[in-house]
Amino acid sequence: MKRKFFDIGFIKATGILGQTPRALKYIVENRNCIIPYGNLAEMAQNIRLILKTPMAEFFDRIIDTKGLGNFIPLYLTETGESIPELLAQTLITLDIKQLDTNNITRSLPEVKNRMIVNLSSVIKRDPNTGRFVVNAVDNFLGLFVKNYLAASYEDSDGWLSPYLGEFTVRTYSMILSSLLSRYYNLSIPETMSVMSVFALFQSQLLGDERDDLVFPALFRKCTYIGSMQELQGVAKICEPYSEQGLTLDSLCECIKEVSPERLANFSAHHLLSLAGNLGPDSITTHLAIEYPPYWLYVLLLALSGNKIPIIYQLNGMRLAQEGRSKFLQQLMCYDNLFTVNRG
């Protein structure tokens, strides 16, 4: 059950979709803000040997598979007109493929189906040569990796390999349930029930279009939580909500169904408040809770050495070592991730 980026509850609540016409109109009227592909490729080549982190390795694979052509990079500081907020920010994916943009793309066909990425905060012009120079390598890599993951998810049907999917579900369910467990003082059986609901939600989001929404294939592998009979029991409780596909709100309704009375008022607001500091910033984390590509991006950040709070959760649950070895190794070698072609 693939989730569209602009269907995420957090995105809907912000009203961002309504800002897209002005943002795209701005690009059409200020075409000089688009960085030519040759300049982007030059910048990418110049930084390839600077870092050897998992994030840098993933970026290398994007380059090697000609993935940079899926992006429209922008440099906005040289335009005099007021820059639309949606373009000025760097935290939210702007995937033209997921928008109704026929009128705009007729005027500027090169942006059709591409990912818009604002590089203004991570590059500068060399005053002597006029060439672009990357001045924040980590952030430069992160912008491309995050948006590439989103494009890969959007273009796939059954995004990850069985192991990569299982590890993603395991980290998601264990970390979020532990936050609730500590805050609400849940017992071990109560915590495992909540963990099951989180695993069901993420398993749905990572399943293909033929997957059983009530009892997804990845959820059946969550025997680290409980027996098959116990998983089936949770799936049955959640069925009135899950059969149409879980949202963040219905996920929280399921959590209330399997939890003690003191969680009777639990809501998406409470979940986002408890988990909002796991990632590099609250917006990225809120999106990661609803959108698997952003969760994977946050994992990559942590496993690349960034001291964001989720790394302490991974360490505490003994998931970091597996993440740095088997998970990263299989992620970099999973060719299906690197097949995005928006040409």
C-alpha atoms as a PDB file:
ATOM      1  CA  MET A   1       0.000   0.000   0.000  1.00  0.00           C
ATOM      2  CA  LYS A   2       2.217   2.770  -1.283  1.00  0.00           C
ATOM      3  CA  ARG A   3       1.613   6.155   0.335  1.00  0.00           C
ATOM      4  CA  LYS A   4       1.703   9.223  -1.912  1.00  0.00           C
ATOM      5  CA  PHE A   5       3.800  12.008  -0.453  1.00  0.00           C
ATOM      6  CA  PHE A   6       1.071  14.615  -0.698  1.00  0.00           C
ATOM      7  CA  ASP A   7      -1.392  12.232   1.000  1.00  0.00           C
ATOM      8  CA  ILE A   8       0.649  12.231   4.208  1.00  0.00           C
ATOM      9  CA  GLY A   9      -1.431  13.615   7.050  1.00  0.00           C
ATOM     10  CA  PHE A  10       1.289  16.055   8.108  1.00  0.00           C
ATOM     11  CA  ILE A  11       1.585  17.411   4.544  1.00  0.00           C
ATOM     12  CA  LYS A  12      -2.186  17.784   4.216  1.00  0.00           C
ATOM     13  CA  ALA A  13      -2.347  19.671   7.509  1.00  0.00           C
ATOM     14  CA  THR A  14       0.223  22.216   6.340  1.00  0.00           C
ATOM     15  CA  GLY A  15      -1.632  23.041   3.111  1.00  0.00           C
ATOM     16  CA  ILE A  16       1.594  22.742   1.144  1.00  0.00           C
ATOM     17  CA  LEU A  17      -0.103  21.288  -1.921  1.00  0.00           C
ATOM     18  CA  GLY A  18      -1.890  24.585  -2.453  1.00  0.00           C
ATOM     19  CA  GLN A  19       1.472  26.351  -2.714  1.00  0.00           C
ATOM     20  CA  THR A  20       2.756  24.282  -5.624  1.00  0.00           C
ATOM     21  CA  PRO A  21       1.239  26.341  -8.511  1.00  0.00           C
ATOM     22  CA  ARG A  22       3.026  29.499  -7.347  1.00  0.00           C
ATOM     23  CA  ALA A  23       6.273  27.622  -6.792  1.00  0.00           C
ATOM     24  CA  LEU A  24       6.232  26.103 -10.274  1.00  0.00           C
ATOM     25  CA  LYS A  25       5.183  29.408 -11.848  1.00  0.00           C
ATOM     26  CA  TYR A  26       8.206  30.988 -10.198  1.00  0.00           C
ATOM     27  CA  ILE A  27      10.539  28.437 -11.808  1.00  0.00           C
ATOM     28  CA  VAL A  28       8.987  29.035 -15.233  1.00  0.00           C
ATOM     29  CA  GLU A  29       9.424  32.797 -14.876  1.00  0.00           C
ATOM     30  CA  ASN A  30      12.950  32.517 -13.439  1.00  0.00           C
ATOM     31  CA  ARG A  31      14.506  29.768 -15.520  1.00  0.00           C
ATOM     32  CA  ASN A  32      17.996  31.038 -14.785  1.00  0.00           C
ATOM     33  CA  CYS A  33      17.631  29.656 -11.248  1.00  0.00           C
ATOM     34  CA  ILE A  34      17.935  26.117 -12.690  1.00  0.00           C
ATOM     35  CA  ILE A  35      21.492  24.818 -12.455  1.00  0.00           C
ATOM     36  CA  PRO A  36      22.536  23.162 -15.733  1.00  0.00           C
ATOM     37  CA  TYR A  37      23.155  19.433 -15.531  1.00  0.00           C
ATOM     38  CA  GLY A  38      26.833  19.868 -16.429  1.00  0.00           C
ATOM     39  CA  ASN A  39      27.398  22.105 -13.416  1.00  0.00           C
ATOM     40  CA  LEU A  40      25.599  19.649 -11.139  1.00  0.00           C
ATOM     41  CA  ALA A  41      27.657  16.731 -12.449  1.00  0.00           C
ATOM     42  CA  GLU A  42      30.860  18.717 -11.917  1.00  0.00           C
ATOM     43  CA  MET A  43      29.970  19.483  -8.305  1.00  0.00           C
ATOM     44  CA  ALA A  44      29.063  15.856  -7.688  1.00  0.00           C
ATOM     45  CA  GLN A  45      32.362  14.600  -9.086  1.00  0.00           C
ATOM     46  CA  ASN A  46      34.367  17.126  -7.065  1.00  0.00           C
ATOM     47  CA  ILE A  47      33.043  15.861  -3.725  1.00  0.00           C
ATOM     48  CA  ARG A  48      33.084  12.112  -4.390  1.00  0.00           C
ATOM     49  CA  LEU A  49      36.373  11.539  -2.579  1.00  0.00           C
ATOM     50  CA  ILE A  50      35.742  13.871   0.366  1.00  0.00           C
ATOM     51  CA  LEU A  51      33.551  11.577   2.488  1.00  0.00           C
ATOM     52  CA  LYS A  52      33.350   7.802   2.805  1.00  0.00           C
ATOM     53  CA  THR A  53      30.194   7.491   4.864  1.00  0.00           C
ATOM     54  CA  PRO A  54      27.214   5.278   3.977  1.00  0.00           C
ATOM     55  CA  MET A  55      25.394   8.429   2.860  1.00  0.00           C
ATOM     56  CA  ALA A  56      28.280   9.232   0.500  1.00  0.00           C
ATOM     57  CA  GLU A  57      28.322   5.647  -0.773  1.00  0.00           C
ATOM     58  CA  PHE A  58      24.604   5.828  -1.533  1.00  0.00           C
ATOM     59  CA  PHE A  59      25.176   9.109  -3.388  1.00  0.00           C
ATOM     60  CA  ASP A  60      27.943   7.448  -5.397  1.00  0.00           C
ATOM     61  CA  ARG A  61      25.486   4.793  -6.513  1.00  0.00           C
ATOM     62  CA  ILE A  62      23.072   7.503  -7.619  1.00  0.00           C
ATOM     63  CA  ILE A  63      25.846   8.999  -9.755  1.00  0.00           C
ATOM     64  CA  ASP A  64      26.983   5.648 -11.146  1.00  0.00           C
ATOM     65  CA  THR A  65      23.429   4.778 -12.244  1.00  0.00           C
ATOM     66  CA  LYS A  66      22.964   8.207 -13.871  1.00  0.00           C
ATOM     67  CA  GLY A  67      20.429   9.128 -11.214  1.00  0.00           C
ATOM     68  CA  LEU A  68      21.350  12.815 -11.084  1.00  0.00           C
ATOM     69  CA  GLY A  69      19.310  13.338 -14.232  1.00  0.00           C
ATOM     70  CA  ASN A  70      16.155  12.841 -12.168  1.00  0.00           C
ATOM     71  CA  PHE A  71      16.688  16.162 -10.402  1.00  0.00           C
ATOM     72  CA  ILE A  72      16.120  19.813 -11.204  1.00  0.00           C
ATOM     73  CA  PRO A  73      18.621  21.646  -8.947  1.00  0.00           C
ATOM     74  CA  LEU A  74      17.945  25.277  -8.091  1.00  0.00           C
ATOM     75  CA  TYR A  75      20.141  28.184  -7.016  1.00  0.00           C
ATOM     76  CA  LEU A  76      17.784  30.887  -5.817  1.00  0.00           C
ATOM     77  CA  THR A  77      19.875  33.565  -4.151  1.00  0.00           C
ATOM     78  CA  GLU A  78      20.472  35.529  -7.347  1.00  0.00           C
ATOM     79  CA  THR A  79      16.823  36.220  -8.211  1.00  0.00           C
ATOM     80  CA  GLY A  80      15.256  39.496  -7.172  1.00  0.00           C
ATOM     81  CA  GLU A  81      11.673  38.303  -6.887  1.00  0.00           C
ATOM     82  CA  SER A  82      10.262  37.006  -3.599  1.00  0.00           C
ATOM     83  CA  ILE A  83      10.967  33.261  -3.424  1.00  0.00           C
ATOM     84  CA  PRO A  84       7.952  31.003  -2.689  1.00  0.00           C
ATOM     85  CA  GLU A  85       8.267  29.319   0.681  1.00  0.00           C
ATOM     86  CA  LEU A  86       7.861  25.860  -0.836  1.00  0.00           C
ATOM     87  CA  LEU A  87      10.975  26.399  -2.969  1.00  0.00           C
ATOM     88  CA  ALA A  88      12.989  28.147  -0.279  1.00  0.00           C
ATOM     89  CA  GLN A  89      12.751  25.239   2.173  1.00  0.00           C
ATOM     90  CA  THR A  90      14.818  22.047   1.860  1.00  0.00           C
ATOM     91  CA  LEU A  91      12.981  19.676   4.209  1.00  0.00           C
ATOM     92  CA  ILE A  92      10.009  18.700   2.049  1.00  0.00           C
ATOM     93  CA  THR A  93      10.149  16.686  -1.162  1.00  0.00           C
ATOM     94  CA  LEU A  94       8.805  18.396  -4.276  1.00  0.00           C
ATOM     95  CA  ASP A  95       8.194  15.586  -6.752  1.00  0.00           C
ATOM     96  CA  ILE A  96       6.707  16.949  -9.976  1.00  0.00           C
ATOM     97  CA  LYS A  97       5.570  13.458 -10.975  1.00  0.00           C
ATOM     98  CA  GLN A  98       3.060  13.452  -8.117  1.00  0.00           C
ATOM     99  CA  LEU A  99       1.525  16.802  -9.099  1.00  0.00           C
ATOM    100  CA  ASP A 100      -0.998  17.851 -11.718  1.00  0.00           C
ATOM    101  CA  THR A 101       1.311  20.184 -13.599  1.00  0.00           C
ATOM    102  CA  ASN A 102       0.417  19.841 -17.285  1.00  0.00           C
ATOM    103  CA  ASN A 103       0.143  23.584 -17.832  1.00  0.00           C
ATOM    104  CA  ILE A 104       3.489  24.270 -16.206  1.00  0.00           C
ATOM    105  CA  THR A 105       5.388  21.400 -17.801  1.00  0.00           C
ATOM    106  CA  ARG A 106       4.228  22.469 -21.253  1.00  0.00           C
ATOM    107  CA  SER A 107       5.993  25.761 -20.615  1.00  0.00           C
ATOM    108  CA  LEU A 108       9.053  24.114 -19.095  1.00  0.00           C
ATOM    109  CA  PRO A 109       9.161  20.467 -20.281  1.00  0.00           C
ATOM    110  CA  GLU A 110      12.540  19.756 -18.680  1.00  0.00           C
ATOM    111  CA  VAL A 111      10.973  19.732 -15.207  1.00  0.00           C
ATOM    112  CA  LYS A 112       8.398  17.062 -16.079  1.00  0.00           C
ATOM    113  CA  ASN A 113       8.477  14.153 -13.600  1.00  0.00           C
ATOM    114  CA  ARG A 114      11.655  15.483 -11.981  1.00  0.00           C
ATOM    115  CA  MET A 115      12.507  16.098  -8.325  1.00  0.00           C
ATOM    116  CA  ILE A 116      13.031  19.780  -7.461  1.00  0.00           C
ATOM    117  CA  VAL A 117      15.904  20.317  -5.019  1.00  0.00           C
ATOM    118  CA  ASN A 118      17.005  23.706  -3.698  1.00  0.00           C
ATOM    119  CA  LEU A 119      20.807  23.812  -3.335  1.00  0.00           C
ATOM    120  CA  SER A 120      21.089  27.481  -2.350  1.00  0.00           C
ATOM    121  CA  SER A 121      22.063  26.714   1.241  1.00  0.00           C
ATOM    122  CA  VAL A 122      24.721  24.115   0.398  1.00  0.00           C
ATOM    123  CA  ILE A 123      26.587  25.649  -2.553  1.00  0.00           C
ATOM    124  CA  LYS A 124      28.129  29.001  -3.480  1.00  0.00           C
ATOM    125  CA  ARG A 125      29.675  30.617  -6.511  1.00  0.00           C
ATOM    126  CA  ASP A 126      33.437  30.933  -6.653  1.00  0.00           C
ATOM    127  CA  PRO A 127      33.999  34.697  -7.105  1.00  0.00           C
ATOM    128  CA  ASN A 128      37.035  34.099  -9.310  1.00  0.00           C
ATOM    129  CA  THR A 129      35.753  31.388 -11.665  1.00  0.00           C
ATOM    130  CA  GLY A 130      31.978  31.773 -11.363  1.00  0.00           C
ATOM    131  CA  ARG A 131      31.689  28.020 -10.827  1.00  0.00           C
ATOM    132  CA  PHE A 132      29.508  26.445  -8.186  1.00  0.00           C
ATOM    133  CA  VAL A 133      31.297  24.995  -5.153  1.00  0.00           C
ATOM    134  CA  VAL A 134      29.735  22.732  -2.518  1.00  0.00           C
ATOM    135  CA  ASN A 135      30.253  24.294   0.917  1.00  0.00           C
ATOM    136  CA  ALA A 136      28.186  21.865   3.021  1.00  0.00           C
ATOM    137  CA  VAL A 137      28.983  18.386   1.744  1.00  0.00           C
ATOM    138  CA  ASP A 138      26.936  16.404   4.278  1.00  0.00           C
ATOM    139  CA  ASN A 139      23.805  18.448   3.623  1.00  0.00           C
ATOM    140  CA  PHE A 140      24.372  18.357  -0.147  1.00  0.00           C
ATOM    141  CA  LEU A 141      24.503  14.555  -0.077  1.00  0.00           C
ATOM    142  CA  GLY A 142      21.492  14.355   2.217  1.00  0.00           C
ATOM    143  CA  LEU A 143      19.286  16.441  -0.067  1.00  0.00           C
ATOM    144  CA  PHE A 144      19.882  14.128  -3.005  1.00  0.00           C
ATOM    145  CA  VAL A 145      19.688  10.876  -1.063  1.00  0.00           C
ATOM    146  CA  LYS A 146      16.440  11.815   0.700  1.00  0.00           C
ATOM    147  CA  ASN A 147      14.715  12.884  -2.495  1.00  0.00           C
ATOM    148  CA  TYR A 148      16.077   9.944  -4.471  1.00  0.00           C
ATOM    149  CA  LEU A 149      14.676   7.540  -1.871  1.00  0.00           C
ATOM    150  CA  ALA A 150      11.287   9.244  -2.236  1.00  0.00           C
ATOM    151  CA  ALA A 151      11.425   8.909  -6.032  1.00  0.00           C
ATOM    152  CA  SER A 152      12.467   5.264  -5.791  1.00  0.00           C
ATOM    153  CA  TYR A 153       9.554   4.505  -3.462  1.00  0.00           C
ATOM    154  CA  GLU A 154       7.091   6.328  -5.718  1.00  0.00           C
ATOM    155  CA  ASP A 155       8.252   4.470  -8.838  1.00  0.00           C
ATOM    156  CA  SER A 156       8.223   0.986  -7.292  1.00  0.00           C
ATOM    157  CA  ASP A 157       5.653  -1.651  -6.443  1.00  0.00           C
ATOM    158  CA  GLY A 158       7.126  -3.498  -3.490  1.00  0.00           C
ATOM    159  CA  TRP A 159       9.998  -1.164  -2.746  1.00  0.00           C
ATOM    160  CA  LEU A 160      12.528  -3.091  -0.678  1.00  0.00           C
ATOM    161  CA  SER A 161      13.945  -6.595  -0.575  1.00  0.00           C
ATOM    162  CA  PRO A 162      12.425  -8.900   2.077  1.00  0.00           C
ATOM    163  CA  TYR A 163      15.334  -8.373   4.467  1.00  0.00           C
ATOM    164  CA  LEU A 164      15.520  -4.585   3.985  1.00  0.00           C
ATOM    165  CA  GLY A 165      11.780  -4.371   4.518  1.00  0.00           C
ATOM    166  CA  GLU A 166      11.958  -6.530   7.636  1.00  0.00           C
ATOM    167  CA  PHE A 167      14.742  -4.439   9.170  1.00  0.00           C
ATOM    168  CA  THR A 168      12.861  -1.221   8.381  1.00  0.00           C
ATOM    169  CA  VAL A 169       9.705  -2.566  10.053  1.00  0.00           C
ATOM    170  CA  ARG A 170      11.701  -3.845  13.012  1.00  0.00           C
ATOM    171  CA  THR A 171      13.456  -0.542  13.705  1.00  0.00           C
ATOM    172  CA  TYR A 172      10.229   1.417  13.235  1.00  0.00           C
ATOM    173  CA  SER A 173       8.082  -0.747  15.485  1.00  0.00           C
ATOM    174  CA  MET A 174      10.652  -1.256  18.238  1.00  0.00           C
ATOM    175  CA  ILE A 175      11.688   2.384  18.511  1.00  0.00           C
ATOM    176  CA  LEU A 176       8.222   3.949  18.437  1.00  0.00           C
ATOM    177  CA  SER A 177       6.698   1.386  20.800  1.00  0.00           C
ATOM    178  CA  SER A 178       9.545   1.909  23.275  1.00  0.00           C
ATOM    179  CA  LEU A 179       8.803   5.634  23.376  1.00  0.00           C
ATOM    180  CA  LEU A 180       5.163   4.943  24.210  1.00  0.00           C
ATOM    181  CA  SER A 181       6.134   2.257  26.683  1.00  0.00           C
ATOM    182  CA  ARG A 182       8.337   4.584  28.713  1.00  0.00           C
ATOM    183  CA  TYR A 183       5.929   7.517  28.636  1.00  0.00           C
ATOM    184  CA  TYR A 184       2.809   5.526  29.524  1.00  0.00           C
ATOM    185  CA  ASN A 185       4.573   2.963  31.728  1.00  0.00           C
ATOM    186  CA  LEU A 186       3.326   0.010  29.699  1.00  0.00           C
ATOM    187  CA  SER A 187       3.884  -3.579  30.745  1.00  0.00           C
ATOM    188  CA  ILE A 188       5.868  -5.905  28.495  1.00  0.00           C
ATOM    189  CA  PRO A 189       2.725  -7.542  26.995  1.00  0.00           C
ATOM    190  CA  GLU A 190       1.177  -4.097  26.436  1.00  0.00           C
ATOM    191  CA  THR A 191       4.365  -2.866  24.776  1.00  0.00           C
ATOM    192  CA  MET A 192       4.467  -5.885  22.456  1.00  0.00           C
ATOM    193  CA  SER A 193       0.851  -5.262  21.413  1.00  0.00           C
ATOM    194  CA  VAL A 194       1.657  -1.649  20.566  1.00  0.00           C
ATOM    195  CA  MET A 195       4.775  -2.810  18.735  1.00  0.00           C
ATOM    196  CA  SER A 196       2.588  -5.127  16.665  1.00  0.00           C
ATOM    197  CA  VAL A 197       0.370  -2.241  15.565  1.00  0.00           C
ATOM    198  CA  PHE A 198       3.355  -0.145  14.495  1.00  0.00           C
ATOM    199  CA  ALA A 199       4.734  -3.150  12.597  1.00  0.00           C
ATOM    200  CA  LEU A 200       1.389  -3.667  10.844  1.00  0.00           C
ATOM    201  CA  PHE A 201       1.292  -0.024   9.718  1.00  0.00           C
ATOM    202  CA  GLN A 202       4.835  -0.019   8.329  1.00  0.00           C
ATOM    203  CA  SER A 203       4.317  -3.426   6.717  1.00  0.00           C
ATOM    204  CA  GLN A 204       1.318  -2.031   4.846  1.00  0.00           C
ATOM    205  CA  LEU A 205       3.308   0.964   3.610  1.00  0.00           C
ATOM    206  CA  LEU A 206       6.074  -1.295   2.299  1.00  0.00           C
ATOM    207  CA  GLY A 207       3.808  -3.884   0.668  1.00  0.00           C
ATOM    208  CA  ASP A 208       3.057  -4.136  -3.038  1.00  0.00           C
ATOM    209  CA  GLU A 209      -0.349  -3.540  -4.594  1.00  0.00           C
ATOM    210  CA  ARG A 210      -1.300  -7.226  -4.274  1.00  0.00           C
ATOM    211  CA  ASP A 211      -0.477  -7.456  -0.589  1.00  0.00           C
ATOM    212  CA  ASP A 212      -3.092  -8.368   1.996  1.00  0.00           C
ATOM    213  CA  LEU A 213      -3.758  -5.165   3.944  1.00  0.00           C
ATOM    214  CA  VAL A 214      -5.215  -6.996   6.937  1.00  0.00           C
ATOM    215  CA  PHE A 215      -2.289  -9.408   7.312  1.00  0.00           C
ATOM    216  CA  PRO A 216       0.602  -8.120   5.137  1.00  0.00           C
ATOM    217  CA  ALA A 217       3.467 -10.349   4.088  1.00  0.00           C
ATOM    218  CA  LEU A 218       6.080  -8.379   6.039  1.00  0.00           C
ATOM    219  CA  PHE A 219       3.905  -8.415   9.154  1.00  0.00           C
ATOM    220  CA  ARG A 220       3.847 -12.216   9.053  1.00  0.00           C
ATOM    221  CA  LYS A 221       7.626 -12.145   9.503  1.00  0.00           C
ATOM    222  CA  CYS A 222       7.449 -10.121  12.732  1.00  0.00           C
ATOM    223  CA  THR A 223       7.968 -13.127  14.972  1.00  0.00           C
ATOM    224  CA  TYR A 224      10.388 -11.057  17.075  1.00  0.00           C
ATOM    225  CA  ILE A 225       7.163  -9.582  18.511  1.00  0.00           C
ATOM    226  CA  GLY A 226       5.141 -12.725  19.144  1.00  0.00           C
ATOM    227  CA  SER A 227       3.836 -15.984  17.733  1.00  0.00           C
ATOM    228  CA  MET A 228       1.892 -16.179  14.471  1.00  0.00           C
ATOM    229  CA  GLN A 229      -1.274 -16.631  16.504  1.00  0.00           C
ATOM    230  CA  GLU A 230      -0.559 -13.451  18.472  1.00  0.00           C
ATOM    231  CA  LEU A 231       0.125 -11.498  15.273  1.00  0.00           C
ATOM    232  CA  GLN A 232      -3.121 -12.775  13.796  1.00  0.00           C
ATOM    233  CA  GLY A 233      -4.939 -11.655  16.951  1.00  0.00           C
ATOM    234  CA  VAL A 234      -3.647  -8.090  16.613  1.00  0.00           C
ATOM    235  CA  ALA A 235      -4.432  -8.094  12.888  1.00  0.00           C
ATOM    236  CA  LYS A 236      -8.010  -9.132  13.692  1.00  0.00           C
ATOM    237  CA  ILE A 237      -8.424  -6.315  16.211  1.00  0.00           C
ATOM    238  CA  CYS A 238      -7.111  -3.786  13.692  1.00  0.00           C
ATOM    239  CA  GLU A 239      -9.081  -5.143  10.721  1.00  0.00           C
ATOM    240  CA  PRO A 240     -11.917  -2.542  10.826  1.00  0.00           C
ATOM    241  CA  TYR A 241      -9.239   0.119  10.303  1.00  0.00           C
ATOM    242  CA  SER A 242      -6.573  -1.726   8.323  1.00  0.00           C
ATOM    243  CA  GLU A 243      -8.769  -3.230   5.608  1.00  0.00           C
ATOM    244  CA  GLN A 244      -8.934   0.160   3.874  1.00  0.00           C
ATOM    245  CA  GLY A 245      -5.308   1.019   4.582  1.00  0.00           C
ATOM    246  CA  LEU A 246      -4.088   2.562   7.817  1.00  0.00           C
ATOM    247  CA  THR A 247      -3.458   6.280   8.191  1.00  0.00           C
ATOM    248  CA  LEU A 248      -1.696   7.928  11.099  1.00  0.00           C
ATOM    249  CA  ASP A 249      -5.051   8.642  12.727  1.00  0.00           C
ATOM    250  CA  SER A 250      -6.369   5.100  12.320  1.00  0.00           C
ATOM    251  CA  LEU A 251      -3.002   3.736  13.468  1.00  0.00           C
ATOM    252  CA  CYS A 252      -3.563   5.591  16.733  1.00  0.00           C
ATOM    253  CA  GLU A 253      -7.095   4.169  16.974  1.00  0.00           C
ATOM    254  CA  CYS A 254      -5.603   0.681  16.690  1.00  0.00           C
ATOM    255  CA  ILE A 255      -3.069   1.504  19.394  1.00  0.00           C
ATOM    256  CA  LYS A 256      -5.934   2.498  21.692  1.00  0.00           C
ATOM    257  CA  GLU A 257      -7.697  -0.795  20.911  1.00  0.00           C
ATOM    258  CA  VAL A 258      -4.750  -2.876  22.177  1.00  0.00           C
ATOM    259  CA  SER A 259      -3.715  -0.574  25.050  1.00  0.00           C
ATOM    260  CA  PRO A 260      -4.888   0.052  28.612  1.00  0.00           C
ATOM    261  CA  GLU A 261      -7.495   2.677  29.478  1.00  0.00           C
ATOM    262  CA  ARG A 262      -4.933   5.372  30.193  1.00  0.00           C
ATOM    263  CA  LEU A 263      -4.284   5.615  26.427  1.00  0.00           C
ATOM    264  CA  ALA A 264      -7.980   6.261  25.705  1.00  0.00           C
ATOM    265  CA  ASN A 265      -7.207   9.763  24.414  1.00  0.00           C
ATOM    266  CA  PHE A 266      -4.070   8.812  22.494  1.00  0.00           C
ATOM    267  CA  SER A 267      -3.855  10.564  19.118  1.00  0.00           C
ATOM    268  CA  ALA A 268      -1.507  11.379  16.256  1.00  0.00           C
ATOM    269  CA  HIS A 269      -0.667  14.611  18.054  1.00  0.00           C
ATOM    270  CA  HIS A 270       0.610  12.645  21.056  1.00  0.00           C
ATOM    271  CA  LEU A 271       2.631  10.301  18.844  1.00  0.00           C
ATOM    272  CA  LEU A 272       4.292  13.132  16.933  1.00  0.00           C
ATOM    273  CA  SER A 273       5.057  14.924  20.194  1.00  0.00           C
ATOM    274  CA  LEU A 274       6.723  11.840  21.677  1.00  0.00           C
ATOM    275  CA  ALA A 275       8.709  10.917  18.562  1.00  0.00           C
ATOM    276  CA  GLY A 276       9.308  14.345  17.040  1.00  0.00           C
ATOM    277  CA  ASN A 277      12.952  14.624  18.088  1.00  0.00           C
ATOM    278  CA  LEU A 278      14.222  11.304  16.721  1.00  0.00           C
ATOM    279  CA  GLY A 279      15.613  12.740  13.509  1.00  0.00           C
ATOM    280  CA  PRO A 280      17.615  15.793  12.433  1.00  0.00           C
ATOM    281  CA  ASP A 281      14.599  18.104  12.809  1.00  0.00           C
ATOM    282  CA  SER A 282      10.932  17.817  13.734  1.00  0.00           C
ATOM    283  CA  ILE A 283       9.560  18.108  10.172  1.00  0.00           C
ATOM    284  CA  THR A 284      11.744  15.310   8.798  1.00  0.00           C
ATOM    285  CA  THR A 285      10.852  13.116  11.771  1.00  0.00           C
ATOM    286  CA  HIS A 286       7.105  13.768  11.460  1.00  0.00           C
ATOM    287  CA  LEU A 287       7.277  12.803   7.804  1.00  0.00           C
ATOM    288  CA  ALA A 288       9.389   9.718   8.590  1.00  0.00           C
ATOM    289  CA  ILE A 289       6.663   8.407  10.898  1.00  0.00           C
ATOM    290  CA  GLU A 290       4.227   8.311   7.954  1.00  0.00           C
ATOM    291  CA  TYR A 291       6.504   7.859   4.949  1.00  0.00           C
ATOM    292  CA  PRO A 292       9.014   4.972   4.629  1.00  0.00           C
ATOM    293  CA  PRO A 293      11.578   6.785   2.408  1.00  0.00           C
ATOM    294  CA  TYR A 294      12.064   9.404   5.109  1.00  0.00           C
ATOM    295  CA  TRP A 295      12.386   6.718   7.799  1.00  0.00           C
ATOM    296  CA  LEU A 296      15.085   5.051   5.706  1.00  0.00           C
ATOM    297  CA  TYR A 297      16.764   8.420   5.231  1.00  0.00           C
ATOM    298  CA  VAL A 298      16.818   9.023   9.002  1.00  0.00           C
ATOM    299  CA  LEU A 299      18.333   5.551   9.505  1.00  0.00           C
ATOM    300  CA  LEU A 300      21.012   6.344   6.914  1.00  0.00           C
ATOM    301  CA  LEU A 301      21.807   9.622   8.645  1.00  0.00           C
ATOM    302  CA  ALA A 302      22.246   7.882  11.979  1.00  0.00           C
ATOM    303  CA  LEU A 303      24.273   4.994  10.574  1.00  0.00           C
ATOM    304  CA  SER A 304      26.503   7.494   8.728  1.00  0.00           C
ATOM    305  CA  GLY A 305      27.705   8.917  12.040  1.00  0.00           C
ATOM    306  CA  ASN A 306      25.289  11.795  12.553  1.00  0.00           C
ATOM    307  CA  LYS A 307      24.572  12.189  16.271  1.00  0.00           C
ATOM    308  CA  ILE A 308      20.818  12.404  15.953  1.00  0.00           C
ATOM    309  CA  PRO A 309      18.659  10.973  18.771  1.00  0.00           C
ATOM    310  CA  ILE A 310      17.563   7.865  16.894  1.00  0.00           C
ATOM    311  CA  ILE A 311      21.107   6.472  17.021  1.00  0.00           C
ATOM    312  CA  TYR A 312      20.805   6.132  20.806  1.00  0.00           C
ATOM    313  CA  GLN A 313      17.584   4.175  20.312  1.00  0.00           C
ATOM    314  CA  LEU A 314      19.303   1.923  17.773  1.00  0.00           C
ATOM    315  CA  ASN A 315      22.236   1.366  20.116  1.00  0.00           C
ATOM    316  CA  GLY A 316      20.005   0.670  23.082  1.00  0.00           C
ATOM    317  CA  MET A 317      18.062  -1.981  21.176  1.00  0.00           C
ATOM    318  CA  ARG A 318      21.207  -3.528  19.687  1.00  0.00           C
ATOM    319  CA  LEU A 319      20.102  -2.664  16.184  1.00  0.00           C
ATOM    320  CA  ALA A 320      22.957  -0.318  15.280  1.00  0.00           C
ATOM    321  CA  GLN A 321      25.552  -3.055  14.747  1.00  0.00           C
ATOM    322  CA  GLU A 322      23.274  -4.968  12.374  1.00  0.00           C
ATOM    323  CA  GLY A 323      22.373  -1.667  10.733  1.00  0.00           C
ATOM    324  CA  ARG A 324      26.005  -0.796  10.046  1.00  0.00           C
ATOM    325  CA  SER A 325      26.810  -4.238   8.675  1.00  0.00           C
ATOM    326  CA  LYS A 326      24.119  -6.386   7.082  1.00  0.00           C
ATOM    327  CA  PHE A 327      21.524  -3.658   6.518  1.00  0.00           C
ATOM    328  CA  LEU A 328      23.863  -1.135   4.890  1.00  0.00           C
ATOM    329  CA  GLN A 329      25.622  -3.807   2.856  1.00  0.00           C
ATOM    330  CA  GLN A 330      22.367  -5.081   1.404  1.00  0.00           C
ATOM    331  CA  LEU A 331      20.980  -1.575   0.922  1.00  0.00           C
ATOM    332  CA  MET A 332      23.934  -0.510  -1.231  1.00  0.00           C
ATOM    333  CA  CYS A 333      23.782  -3.718  -3.254  1.00  0.00           C
ATOM    334  CA  TYR A 334      20.028  -3.721  -3.858  1.00  0.00           C
ATOM    335  CA  ASP A 335      19.931  -2.744  -7.523  1.00  0.00           C
ATOM    336  CA  ASN A 336      16.161  -2.210  -7.610  1.00  0.00           C
ATOM    337  CA  LEU A 337      16.640   0.910  -5.492  1.00  0.00           C
ATOM    338  CA  PHE A 338      18.764   2.522  -8.166  1.00  0.00           C
ATOM    339  CA  THR A 339      16.531   2.210 -11.212  1.00  0.00           C
ATOM    340  CA  VAL A 340      14.784   5.593 -11.064  1.00  0.00           C
ATOM    341  CA  ASN A 341      14.537   7.059 -14.569  1.00  0.00           C
ATOM    342  CA  ARG A 342      12.355  10.131 -14.846  1.00  0.00           C
ATOM    343  CA  GLY A 343      13.542  10.984 -18.377  1.00  0.00           C
END
